[in-house]
Protein backbone atom coordinates (compact mmCIF):
# COMPACT_ATOMS: atom_id res chain seq x y z
CA MET A 1 0.00 0.00 0.00
CA SER A 2 1.34 3.46 -0.95
CA GLU A 3 2.41 5.85 1.78
CA THR A 4 0.73 9.25 2.03
CA VAL A 5 2.72 12.48 1.65
CA LEU A 6 1.84 16.16 1.49
CA VAL A 7 3.06 18.62 -1.14
CA GLY A 8 3.32 22.12 0.33
CA ALA A 9 4.89 22.97 3.68
CA GLY A 10 3.24 26.31 4.49
CA GLY A 11 0.57 27.13 7.02
CA HIS A 12 -2.16 25.20 5.24
CA ALA A 13 -0.12 22.01 5.64
CA ARG A 14 -0.82 22.18 9.38
CA VAL A 15 -4.56 22.37 8.79
CA VAL A 16 -4.54 19.52 6.28
CA LEU A 17 -2.35 17.38 8.52
CA THR A 18 -4.63 17.89 11.51
CA THR A 19 -7.73 17.07 9.45
CA LEU A 20 -6.14 13.93 8.03
CA ARG A 21 -5.19 12.74 11.52
CA LEU A 22 -8.77 13.22 12.69
CA ASN A 23 -9.79 10.97 9.81
CA GLY A 24 -7.23 8.32 10.71
CA VAL A 25 -4.82 9.02 7.83
CA ARG A 26 -1.08 8.76 8.55
CA VAL A 27 1.26 11.12 6.70
CA VAL A 28 4.91 10.03 6.47
CA GLY A 29 6.49 13.12 4.90
CA ILE A 30 6.06 16.64 3.50
CA TYR A 31 7.68 18.02 0.33
CA ASP A 32 8.14 21.63 -0.80
CA ASP A 33 10.61 23.54 -2.97
CA VAL A 34 10.43 26.64 -0.76
CA SER A 35 13.16 26.73 1.86
CA ARG A 36 11.89 26.55 5.44
CA GLY A 37 15.22 27.37 7.06
CA ASP A 38 15.75 25.29 10.16
CA GLN A 39 12.20 23.94 10.17
CA GLU A 40 12.50 20.20 9.71
CA TYR A 41 9.13 19.07 11.06
CA ILE A 42 5.50 20.18 10.90
CA LEU A 43 3.46 18.78 13.79
CA GLY A 44 5.96 15.96 14.08
CA VAL A 45 6.02 15.06 10.37
CA PRO A 46 9.38 15.56 8.61
CA VAL A 47 9.78 18.04 5.76
CA VAL A 48 11.77 15.60 3.65
CA GLY A 49 12.86 17.63 0.64
CA GLY A 50 11.89 19.30 -2.63
CA LEU A 51 9.09 18.33 -4.97
CA HIS A 52 11.49 16.47 -7.25
CA GLN A 53 12.09 14.06 -4.36
CA VAL A 54 8.47 12.93 -3.97
CA PRO A 55 8.51 9.11 -4.32
CA THR A 56 6.87 8.00 -7.55
CA ASP A 57 4.75 5.45 -5.68
CA ALA A 58 3.54 7.88 -2.99
CA ASN A 59 -0.09 8.84 -2.44
CA VAL A 60 0.00 12.66 -2.82
CA ILE A 61 -2.27 15.16 -1.05
CA LEU A 62 -2.25 18.90 -1.79
CA ALA A 63 -1.34 21.01 1.23
CA CYS A 64 -1.16 24.57 -0.10
CA GLY A 65 -3.82 27.26 -0.07
CA ASP A 66 -2.54 29.29 -3.02
CA ILE A 67 -4.74 28.70 -6.07
CA ALA A 68 -1.99 28.70 -8.69
CA SER A 69 0.18 26.34 -6.65
CA ARG A 70 -2.71 23.93 -6.09
CA ALA A 71 -3.43 23.79 -9.81
CA ASN A 72 0.27 23.39 -10.70
CA PHE A 73 0.82 20.65 -8.13
CA ALA A 74 -2.33 18.85 -9.29
CA GLU A 75 -1.01 18.78 -12.85
CA ARG A 76 2.50 17.79 -11.82
CA PHE A 77 1.33 14.90 -9.63
CA ALA A 78 -1.79 13.98 -11.60
CA ASN A 79 -1.01 10.26 -11.58
CA GLN A 80 -0.38 10.17 -7.83
CA LEU A 81 -3.08 12.41 -6.36
CA ASP A 82 -5.44 10.99 -3.79
CA LEU A 83 -8.81 11.84 -5.36
CA THR A 84 -10.77 11.40 -2.13
CA PRO A 85 -12.17 14.67 -0.72
CA ILE A 86 -10.69 15.65 2.64
CA ILE A 87 -13.47 16.56 5.06
CA HIS A 88 -13.00 17.78 8.62
CA PRO A 89 -15.27 15.86 11.03
CA SER A 90 -16.85 19.10 12.27
CA ALA A 91 -18.00 20.14 8.78
CA ILE A 92 -21.71 19.90 8.00
CA LEU A 93 -22.55 18.45 4.59
CA GLU A 94 -26.22 18.29 3.70
CA ALA A 95 -28.06 16.06 1.24
CA GLY A 96 -27.54 16.08 -2.50
CA ILE A 97 -24.20 17.88 -2.66
CA ILE A 98 -21.61 17.10 -5.33
CA LEU A 99 -17.90 17.20 -4.46
CA GLY A 100 -15.19 17.09 -7.14
CA ASP A 101 -11.91 15.20 -6.87
CA TYR A 102 -9.52 16.17 -4.04
CA VAL A 103 -11.77 18.90 -2.66
CA GLN A 104 -10.83 20.01 0.86
CA ILE A 105 -13.55 20.94 3.37
CA MET A 106 -12.08 22.39 6.56
CA GLY A 107 -13.42 22.61 10.12
CA GLY A 108 -16.74 24.29 10.91
CA THR A 109 -17.82 24.68 7.30
CA VAL A 110 -21.41 24.22 6.11
CA ILE A 111 -22.21 22.90 2.63
CA ASN A 112 -25.97 23.04 2.17
CA ALA A 113 -28.34 20.93 0.10
CA GLY A 114 -27.70 20.73 -3.63
CA ALA A 115 -24.41 22.66 -3.62
CA GLN A 116 -21.63 21.70 -6.05
CA ILE A 117 -17.90 22.07 -5.34
CA GLY A 118 -15.46 21.73 -8.24
CA ARG A 119 -12.25 19.72 -8.45
CA GLY A 120 -9.30 20.88 -6.37
CA THR A 121 -11.24 23.55 -4.49
CA LEU A 122 -10.53 24.49 -0.87
CA ILE A 123 -13.42 25.48 1.40
CA ASN A 124 -11.66 26.92 4.42
CA THR A 125 -12.54 27.11 8.10
CA GLY A 126 -16.06 28.29 8.91
CA ALA A 127 -17.10 29.06 5.32
CA VAL A 128 -20.71 28.56 4.22
CA ILE A 129 -21.81 27.35 0.79
CA GLU A 130 -25.57 27.70 0.68
CA HIS A 131 -28.20 25.61 -1.13
CA GLU A 132 -27.67 25.02 -4.87
CA ALA A 133 -24.60 27.26 -4.99
CA VAL A 134 -21.90 26.24 -7.47
CA VAL A 135 -18.17 26.64 -6.85
CA GLY A 136 -15.80 26.09 -9.78
CA GLU A 137 -12.47 24.25 -9.95
CA PHE A 138 -9.39 25.27 -7.95
CA CYS A 139 -11.14 27.98 -5.97
CA HIS A 140 -10.31 29.05 -2.43
CA VAL A 141 -13.28 30.09 -0.30
CA SER A 142 -11.54 31.60 2.69
CA ILE A 143 -12.30 31.69 6.39
CA ASN A 144 -15.94 32.60 7.21
CA ALA A 145 -16.75 33.55 3.62
CA VAL A 146 -20.36 32.97 2.50
CA LEU A 147 -21.71 31.99 -0.90
CA CYS A 148 -25.46 32.49 -0.69
CA GLY A 149 -28.10 30.29 -2.31
CA ARG A 150 -27.77 29.60 -6.05
CA ALA A 151 -24.75 31.87 -6.38
CA LYS A 152 -22.05 30.75 -8.83
CA LEU A 153 -18.29 31.09 -8.47
CA GLY A 154 -16.15 30.56 -11.58
CA ASP A 155 -12.93 28.56 -11.75
CA ARG A 156 -9.82 29.75 -9.88
CA CYS A 157 -11.58 32.38 -7.80
CA PHE A 158 -10.56 33.52 -4.33
CA LEU A 159 -13.05 34.77 -1.74
CA GLY A 160 -11.24 36.56 1.08
CA ALA A 161 -12.02 36.02 4.74
CA GLY A 162 -15.55 37.15 5.57
CA ALA A 163 -16.50 37.91 1.96
CA VAL A 164 -20.16 37.46 1.03
CA VAL A 165 -21.69 36.71 -2.37
CA ARG A 166 -25.40 37.51 -2.61
CA ASP A 167 -27.91 34.86 -3.66
CA CYS A 168 -28.18 34.11 -7.39
CA VAL A 169 -25.12 36.24 -8.24
CA SER A 170 -22.56 34.85 -10.71
CA ILE A 171 -18.83 35.55 -10.59
CA ALA A 172 -16.53 35.03 -13.59
CA ALA A 173 -13.40 32.88 -13.50
CA GLY A 174 -10.21 34.39 -12.09
CA VAL A 175 -11.84 36.84 -9.67
CA THR A 176 -10.44 37.76 -6.25
CA VAL A 177 -12.81 39.27 -3.68
CA GLY A 178 -11.06 41.02 -0.80
CA ILE A 179 -11.58 40.54 2.93
CA ASN A 180 -15.18 41.33 3.99
CA GLY A 181 -16.12 42.28 0.43
CA ALA A 182 -19.80 42.04 -0.49
CA VAL A 183 -20.67 40.99 -4.04
CA THR A 184 -24.21 42.17 -4.74
CA ARG A 185 -24.36 41.83 -8.53
CA ASP A 186 -22.78 39.70 -11.26
CA ILE A 187 -19.06 40.06 -11.95
CA ILE A 188 -18.27 39.34 -15.60
CA GLU A 189 -14.58 40.30 -15.75
CA ALA A 190 -11.57 38.79 -13.97
CA GLY A 191 -9.76 41.05 -11.51
CA ILE A 192 -9.55 42.10 -7.88
CA TYR A 193 -12.71 43.41 -6.23
CA ALA A 194 -13.14 44.94 -2.78
CA GLY A 195 -15.54 46.93 -0.64
CA VAL A 196 -19.25 47.01 0.15
CA PRO A 197 -20.58 46.65 -2.44
CA ALA A 198 -17.52 45.14 -4.12
CA ARG A 199 -15.99 47.16 -6.95
CA LYS A 200 -13.04 46.40 -9.23
CA ILE A 201 -9.80 47.90 -7.92
CA LYS A 202 -7.30 46.15 -10.20
């Protein structure tokens, strides 16, 4: 049986590692190309080396929050990725939801009836995805962000901590919504949006 390793040794690795342990999954090593200085362990698990050193027979789990890195790692390790969604035991998942491959659902989140979460997406601590909302691939819905009922989030979007998307609103791919931003109408162009209501700033 293949051993499980994480790719990515930043802060999100701690959250993923804790969630995996709560689900009875043992991680034997962590790999990252970014130097961590003298840090050799994360929560007792060794940071073994760079990404080129990941064993070819290892079971790989993404452990980075950055959208571009998640997508790049998923492509690089496509043949080794564990496709099973990672779900914190405290998360609430209601009936009729659809979860894509290697989705990560962190502690205290709520995914309500009929919601859809795309491949590689991270739903972070305390976020709420309401009924029939749709989240695209490789998105990051940050801490305490809320996607209201039937709202749609395009691929590779980032919702900052506390951001809210109004019900039935659609957001194009490649959009970043800043901390506590409130999206009250459709966003049709990629970019960075902030404020209440959210407006394009870059």
